Amino acid sequence: MNKSKKRTTSTIISMTVFAVVALMLYYYWINRTEPLEETTRELTEIEKVLEKDLDSNYPKTPREVVKLYSNMLKLIYTDLEEEELEALAWKIRELYDLELIEKNPEDEYLNKLYMDIDEWKKAGRSISNYLIVDKESEQQKEIDDREYAIVHVTYTIQEKGKYSEKLKFLLRKDSLKKWKILGWEYAPREN
């Protein structure tokens, strides 16, 4: 009888331990706060641009600077929240040469930008695409020990149909050897 009592006691203890472990697992499963699989949200285009760290990841070539600028310009004429618009405006200024920044004080820059965006919205205008013209048309020169570059971009603008505008960007290397936008002008249309 002693053996059967020991067997019964050991069975009861084993079943109790098993039940406690099962209850603990069930409790953990019900009350967990994190999902089993991490769900990652895809960043929007504006979030990608705003998160770009230009101090450590600045574009290497004049072409890449103008490409980033054009992407930002395309975004700025979309329906952005006020905070996104202002953050993007400051991010764009990071691409500007110091001389261009000095000619466009912060308040004046933002006021002109907001007026321009309002004008575009009223006209139903947006940039639907841009194309950086072939590398062969790019020019680089050194003047007074400073490096300059010219890059041509064609913007496709949507406004009661489509039309294109071609801009010529002038860039200059700064003291940190980064290409910065010094200015731009409309390029004459080719016949």
C-alpha atoms as a PDB file:
ATOM      1  CA  MET A   1       0.000   0.000   0.000  1.00  0.00           C
ATOM      2  CA  ASN A   2       2.917   2.247   0.607  1.00  0.00           C
ATOM      3  CA  LYS A   3       3.960   1.939  -3.022  1.00  0.00           C
ATOM      4  CA  SER A   4       0.550   2.816  -4.318  1.00  0.00           C
ATOM      5  CA  LYS A   5       0.350   5.839  -2.005  1.00  0.00           C
ATOM      6  CA  LYS A   6       3.733   7.063  -3.280  1.00  0.00           C
ATOM      7  CA  ARG A   7       2.633   6.583  -6.893  1.00  0.00           C
ATOM      8  CA  THR A   8      -0.598   8.449  -6.299  1.00  0.00           C
ATOM      9  CA  THR A   9       1.234  11.272  -4.518  1.00  0.00           C
ATOM     10  CA  SER A  10       3.820  11.553  -7.287  1.00  0.00           C
ATOM     11  CA  THR A  11       1.062  11.519  -9.945  1.00  0.00           C
ATOM     12  CA  ILE A  12      -0.813  14.281  -8.126  1.00  0.00           C
ATOM     13  CA  ILE A  13       2.369  16.387  -7.788  1.00  0.00           C
ATOM     14  CA  SER A  14       3.254  15.872 -11.469  1.00  0.00           C
ATOM     15  CA  MET A  15      -0.271  16.793 -12.586  1.00  0.00           C
ATOM     16  CA  THR A  16      -0.250  19.879 -10.338  1.00  0.00           C
ATOM     17  CA  VAL A  17       3.108  21.057 -11.732  1.00  0.00           C
ATOM     18  CA  PHE A  18       1.874  20.453 -15.280  1.00  0.00           C
ATOM     19  CA  ALA A  19      -1.348  22.378 -14.576  1.00  0.00           C
ATOM     20  CA  VAL A  20       0.570  25.307 -13.047  1.00  0.00           C
ATOM     21  CA  VAL A  21       2.916  25.481 -16.071  1.00  0.00           C
ATOM     22  CA  ALA A  22      -0.043  25.287 -18.464  1.00  0.00           C
ATOM     23  CA  LEU A  23      -1.843  28.072 -16.567  1.00  0.00           C
ATOM     24  CA  MET A  24       1.303  30.233 -16.605  1.00  0.00           C
ATOM     25  CA  LEU A  25       1.684  29.779 -20.368  1.00  0.00           C
ATOM     26  CA  TYR A  26      -1.994  30.555 -20.880  1.00  0.00           C
ATOM     27  CA  TYR A  27      -1.734  33.685 -18.690  1.00  0.00           C
ATOM     28  CA  TYR A  28       1.379  34.831 -20.597  1.00  0.00           C
ATOM     29  CA  TRP A  29      -0.330  34.244 -23.962  1.00  0.00           C
ATOM     30  CA  ILE A  30      -3.445  36.226 -22.990  1.00  0.00           C
ATOM     31  CA  ASN A  31      -1.616  39.152 -21.379  1.00  0.00           C
ATOM     32  CA  ARG A  32       1.311  39.656 -23.719  1.00  0.00           C
ATOM     33  CA  THR A  33       1.679  43.263 -24.895  1.00  0.00           C
ATOM     34  CA  GLU A  34       3.757  42.777 -28.034  1.00  0.00           C
ATOM     35  CA  PRO A  35       2.517  40.955 -31.090  1.00  0.00           C
ATOM     36  CA  LEU A  36       4.378  37.801 -32.085  1.00  0.00           C
ATOM     37  CA  GLU A  37       5.285  39.222 -35.472  1.00  0.00           C
ATOM     38  CA  GLU A  38       6.514  42.786 -35.644  1.00  0.00           C
ATOM     39  CA  THR A  39       4.426  44.806 -37.989  1.00  0.00           C
ATOM     40  CA  THR A  40       6.531  47.463 -39.639  1.00  0.00           C
ATOM     41  CA  ARG A  41       4.889  50.347 -41.402  1.00  0.00           C
ATOM     42  CA  GLU A  42       6.347  51.513 -44.673  1.00  0.00           C
ATOM     43  CA  LEU A  43       7.618  55.092 -44.409  1.00  0.00           C
ATOM     44  CA  THR A  44       5.933  57.656 -46.624  1.00  0.00           C
ATOM     45  CA  GLU A  45       8.032  59.546 -49.157  1.00  0.00           C
ATOM     46  CA  ILE A  46       7.988  62.697 -47.024  1.00  0.00           C
ATOM     47  CA  GLU A  47       9.065  60.732 -43.924  1.00  0.00           C
ATOM     48  CA  LYS A  48      11.974  59.209 -45.846  1.00  0.00           C
ATOM     49  CA  VAL A  49      13.166  62.634 -46.997  1.00  0.00           C
ATOM     50  CA  LEU A  50      12.762  64.260 -43.585  1.00  0.00           C
ATOM     51  CA  GLU A  51      14.612  61.423 -41.832  1.00  0.00           C
ATOM     52  CA  LYS A  52      17.556  61.665 -44.233  1.00  0.00           C
ATOM     53  CA  ASP A  53      20.610  62.806 -42.259  1.00  0.00           C
ATOM     54  CA  LEU A  54      22.399  65.182 -44.603  1.00  0.00           C
ATOM     55  CA  ASP A  55      25.270  65.741 -42.161  1.00  0.00           C
ATOM     56  CA  SER A  56      26.456  62.149 -42.464  1.00  0.00           C
ATOM     57  CA  ASN A  57      24.811  61.135 -45.744  1.00  0.00           C
ATOM     58  CA  TYR A  58      25.141  64.147 -48.041  1.00  0.00           C
ATOM     59  CA  PRO A  59      24.861  63.532 -51.816  1.00  0.00           C
ATOM     60  CA  LYS A  60      28.315  63.102 -53.384  1.00  0.00           C
ATOM     61  CA  THR A  61      27.798  64.610 -56.841  1.00  0.00           C
ATOM     62  CA  PRO A  62      26.077  67.714 -58.231  1.00  0.00           C
ATOM     63  CA  ARG A  63      23.651  65.415 -60.032  1.00  0.00           C
ATOM     64  CA  GLU A  64      22.677  63.661 -56.770  1.00  0.00           C
ATOM     65  CA  VAL A  65      22.177  67.015 -55.000  1.00  0.00           C
ATOM     66  CA  VAL A  66      19.847  68.230 -57.745  1.00  0.00           C
ATOM     67  CA  LYS A  67      18.016  64.887 -57.755  1.00  0.00           C
ATOM     68  CA  LEU A  68      17.376  65.152 -54.011  1.00  0.00           C
ATOM     69  CA  TYR A  69      16.332  68.792 -54.376  1.00  0.00           C
ATOM     70  CA  SER A  70      13.941  67.897 -57.215  1.00  0.00           C
ATOM     71  CA  ASN A  71      12.399  65.124 -55.152  1.00  0.00           C
ATOM     72  CA  MET A  72      11.887  67.581 -52.280  1.00  0.00           C
ATOM     73  CA  LEU A  73      10.451  70.176 -54.660  1.00  0.00           C
ATOM     74  CA  LYS A  74       7.997  67.620 -56.042  1.00  0.00           C
ATOM     75  CA  LEU A  75       6.876  66.830 -52.481  1.00  0.00           C
ATOM     76  CA  ILE A  76       6.559  70.437 -51.372  1.00  0.00           C
ATOM     77  CA  TYR A  77       3.783  71.073 -53.893  1.00  0.00           C
ATOM     78  CA  THR A  78       1.655  68.212 -52.568  1.00  0.00           C
ATOM     79  CA  ASP A  79      -0.833  68.346 -49.691  1.00  0.00           C
ATOM     80  CA  LEU A  80       1.483  68.374 -46.690  1.00  0.00           C
ATOM     81  CA  GLU A  81       0.711  69.131 -43.082  1.00  0.00           C
ATOM     82  CA  GLU A  82       2.053  72.502 -41.912  1.00  0.00           C
ATOM     83  CA  GLU A  83       4.755  70.836 -39.783  1.00  0.00           C
ATOM     84  CA  GLU A  84       5.888  68.639 -42.678  1.00  0.00           C
ATOM     85  CA  LEU A  85       5.977  71.611 -45.030  1.00  0.00           C
ATOM     86  CA  GLU A  86       8.102  73.688 -42.683  1.00  0.00           C
ATOM     87  CA  ALA A  87      10.443  70.764 -41.923  1.00  0.00           C
ATOM     88  CA  LEU A  88      10.860  70.130 -45.657  1.00  0.00           C
ATOM     89  CA  ALA A  89      11.547  73.823 -46.278  1.00  0.00           C
ATOM     90  CA  TRP A  90      14.399  73.725 -43.738  1.00  0.00           C
ATOM     91  CA  LYS A  91      15.691  70.464 -45.208  1.00  0.00           C
ATOM     92  CA  ILE A  92      15.825  72.093 -48.658  1.00  0.00           C
ATOM     93  CA  ARG A  93      17.904  74.959 -47.243  1.00  0.00           C
ATOM     94  CA  GLU A  94      20.521  72.390 -46.204  1.00  0.00           C
ATOM     95  CA  LEU A  95      21.208  71.932 -49.926  1.00  0.00           C
ATOM     96  CA  TYR A  96      21.727  75.665 -50.523  1.00  0.00           C
ATOM     97  CA  ASP A  97      25.055  77.417 -50.733  1.00  0.00           C
ATOM     98  CA  LEU A  98      25.735  79.908 -47.938  1.00  0.00           C
ATOM     99  CA  GLU A  99      25.532  82.767 -50.433  1.00  0.00           C
ATOM    100  CA  LEU A 100      22.021  81.721 -51.501  1.00  0.00           C
ATOM    101  CA  ILE A 101      20.964  81.359 -47.856  1.00  0.00           C
ATOM    102  CA  GLU A 102      22.243  84.857 -47.069  1.00  0.00           C
ATOM    103  CA  LYS A 103      20.233  86.293 -49.973  1.00  0.00           C
ATOM    104  CA  ASN A 104      17.092  84.554 -48.640  1.00  0.00           C
ATOM    105  CA  PRO A 105      16.654  85.236 -44.901  1.00  0.00           C
ATOM    106  CA  GLU A 106      14.577  82.622 -43.066  1.00  0.00           C
ATOM    107  CA  ASP A 107      11.354  84.636 -42.647  1.00  0.00           C
ATOM    108  CA  GLU A 108      11.464  85.960 -46.191  1.00  0.00           C
ATOM    109  CA  TYR A 109      12.221  82.479 -47.529  1.00  0.00           C
ATOM    110  CA  LEU A 110       9.240  80.916 -45.740  1.00  0.00           C
ATOM    111  CA  ASN A 111       6.855  83.726 -46.735  1.00  0.00           C
ATOM    112  CA  LYS A 112       7.843  83.459 -50.407  1.00  0.00           C
ATOM    113  CA  LEU A 113       7.552  79.674 -50.259  1.00  0.00           C
ATOM    114  CA  TYR A 114       4.058  79.761 -48.694  1.00  0.00           C
ATOM    115  CA  MET A 115       2.904  82.333 -51.281  1.00  0.00           C
ATOM    116  CA  ASP A 116       4.317  80.189 -54.090  1.00  0.00           C
ATOM    117  CA  ILE A 117       2.634  77.052 -52.748  1.00  0.00           C
ATOM    118  CA  ASP A 118      -0.701  78.889 -52.416  1.00  0.00           C
ATOM    119  CA  GLU A 119      -0.383  80.100 -56.013  1.00  0.00           C
ATOM    120  CA  TRP A 120       0.328  76.552 -57.203  1.00  0.00           C
ATOM    121  CA  LYS A 121      -2.645  75.152 -55.247  1.00  0.00           C
ATOM    122  CA  LYS A 122      -5.016  77.794 -56.660  1.00  0.00           C
ATOM    123  CA  ALA A 123      -3.833  76.966 -60.180  1.00  0.00           C
ATOM    124  CA  GLY A 124      -4.132  73.216 -59.556  1.00  0.00           C
ATOM    125  CA  ARG A 125      -0.459  72.882 -60.447  1.00  0.00           C
ATOM    126  CA  SER A 126       1.889  70.098 -59.357  1.00  0.00           C
ATOM    127  CA  ILE A 127       5.145  68.504 -60.434  1.00  0.00           C
ATOM    128  CA  SER A 128       4.283  65.071 -61.765  1.00  0.00           C
ATOM    129  CA  ASN A 129       7.812  64.087 -62.747  1.00  0.00           C
ATOM    130  CA  TYR A 130      11.328  65.357 -63.257  1.00  0.00           C
ATOM    131  CA  LEU A 131      14.223  64.201 -65.385  1.00  0.00           C
ATOM    132  CA  ILE A 132      17.840  65.100 -64.821  1.00  0.00           C
ATOM    133  CA  VAL A 133      19.238  65.646 -68.286  1.00  0.00           C
ATOM    134  CA  ASP A 134      22.011  63.314 -69.430  1.00  0.00           C
ATOM    135  CA  LYS A 135      25.446  63.457 -67.829  1.00  0.00           C
ATOM    136  CA  GLU A 136      27.060  64.685 -71.037  1.00  0.00           C
ATOM    137  CA  SER A 137      25.332  68.052 -70.688  1.00  0.00           C
ATOM    138  CA  GLU A 138      26.699  68.575 -67.170  1.00  0.00           C
ATOM    139  CA  GLN A 139      29.550  71.007 -66.889  1.00  0.00           C
ATOM    140  CA  GLN A 140      32.167  71.448 -64.194  1.00  0.00           C
ATOM    141  CA  LYS A 141      34.614  74.332 -63.997  1.00  0.00           C
ATOM    142  CA  GLU A 142      37.079  75.779 -61.549  1.00  0.00           C
ATOM    143  CA  ILE A 143      36.977  79.549 -61.104  1.00  0.00           C
ATOM    144  CA  ASP A 144      39.139  81.348 -58.525  1.00  0.00           C
ATOM    145  CA  ASP A 145      40.033  78.038 -56.862  1.00  0.00           C
ATOM    146  CA  ARG A 146      36.350  77.137 -56.374  1.00  0.00           C
ATOM    147  CA  GLU A 147      34.626  74.240 -58.142  1.00  0.00           C
ATOM    148  CA  TYR A 148      31.347  74.920 -59.942  1.00  0.00           C
ATOM    149  CA  ALA A 149      28.925  72.619 -61.744  1.00  0.00           C
ATOM    150  CA  ILE A 150      25.872  73.065 -63.966  1.00  0.00           C
ATOM    151  CA  VAL A 151      23.081  70.475 -64.026  1.00  0.00           C
ATOM    152  CA  HIS A 152      19.969  70.644 -66.237  1.00  0.00           C
ATOM    153  CA  VAL A 153      16.605  69.309 -65.067  1.00  0.00           C
ATOM    154  CA  THR A 154      13.311  69.059 -66.904  1.00  0.00           C
ATOM    155  CA  TYR A 155      10.195  69.181 -64.717  1.00  0.00           C
ATOM    156  CA  THR A 156       6.862  67.871 -65.963  1.00  0.00           C
ATOM    157  CA  ILE A 157       4.177  70.121 -64.536  1.00  0.00           C
ATOM    158  CA  GLN A 158       0.532  69.125 -64.328  1.00  0.00           C
ATOM    159  CA  GLU A 159      -1.895  72.039 -64.759  1.00  0.00           C
ATOM    160  CA  LYS A 160      -4.884  71.653 -67.051  1.00  0.00           C
ATOM    161  CA  GLY A 161      -2.715  69.320 -69.073  1.00  0.00           C
ATOM    162  CA  LYS A 162       1.011  68.756 -68.937  1.00  0.00           C
ATOM    163  CA  TYR A 163       3.908  70.937 -69.885  1.00  0.00           C
ATOM    164  CA  SER A 164       7.581  70.918 -69.086  1.00  0.00           C
ATOM    165  CA  GLU A 165      10.028  73.472 -67.786  1.00  0.00           C
ATOM    166  CA  LYS A 166      13.768  73.107 -68.019  1.00  0.00           C
ATOM    167  CA  LEU A 167      15.936  74.593 -65.279  1.00  0.00           C
ATOM    168  CA  LYS A 168      19.677  75.036 -65.154  1.00  0.00           C
ATOM    169  CA  PHE A 169      21.161  74.656 -61.656  1.00  0.00           C
ATOM    170  CA  LEU A 170      24.475  76.183 -60.633  1.00  0.00           C
ATOM    171  CA  LEU A 171      26.244  74.398 -57.795  1.00  0.00           C
ATOM    172  CA  ARG A 172      29.442  75.152 -55.935  1.00  0.00           C
ATOM    173  CA  LYS A 173      31.583  73.073 -53.603  1.00  0.00           C
ATOM    174  CA  ASP A 174      31.729  74.490 -50.108  1.00  0.00           C
ATOM    175  CA  SER A 175      34.615  74.368 -47.646  1.00  0.00           C
ATOM    176  CA  LEU A 176      33.555  70.843 -46.585  1.00  0.00           C
ATOM    177  CA  LYS A 177      33.725  69.689 -50.248  1.00  0.00           C
ATOM    178  CA  LYS A 178      29.940  69.326 -50.447  1.00  0.00           C
ATOM    179  CA  TRP A 179      28.122  70.443 -53.590  1.00  0.00           C
ATOM    180  CA  LYS A 180      25.621  73.161 -52.693  1.00  0.00           C
ATOM    181  CA  ILE A 181      22.999  74.864 -54.859  1.00  0.00           C
ATOM    182  CA  LEU A 182      24.091  78.405 -55.616  1.00  0.00           C
ATOM    183  CA  GLY A 183      21.098  79.235 -57.817  1.00  0.00           C
ATOM    184  CA  TRP A 184      19.055  78.272 -60.855  1.00  0.00           C
ATOM    185  CA  GLU A 185      17.450  79.797 -63.890  1.00  0.00           C
ATOM    186  CA  TYR A 186      14.998  78.766 -66.542  1.00  0.00           C
ATOM    187  CA  ALA A 187      16.790  77.308 -69.520  1.00  0.00           C
ATOM    188  CA  PRO A 188      15.583  78.429 -72.940  1.00  0.00           C
ATOM    189  CA  ARG A 189      13.372  75.948 -74.750  1.00  0.00           C
ATOM    190  CA  GLU A 190      15.011  74.166 -77.642  1.00  0.00           C
ATOM    191  CA  ASN A 191      13.229  74.364 -80.975  1.00  0.00           C
END
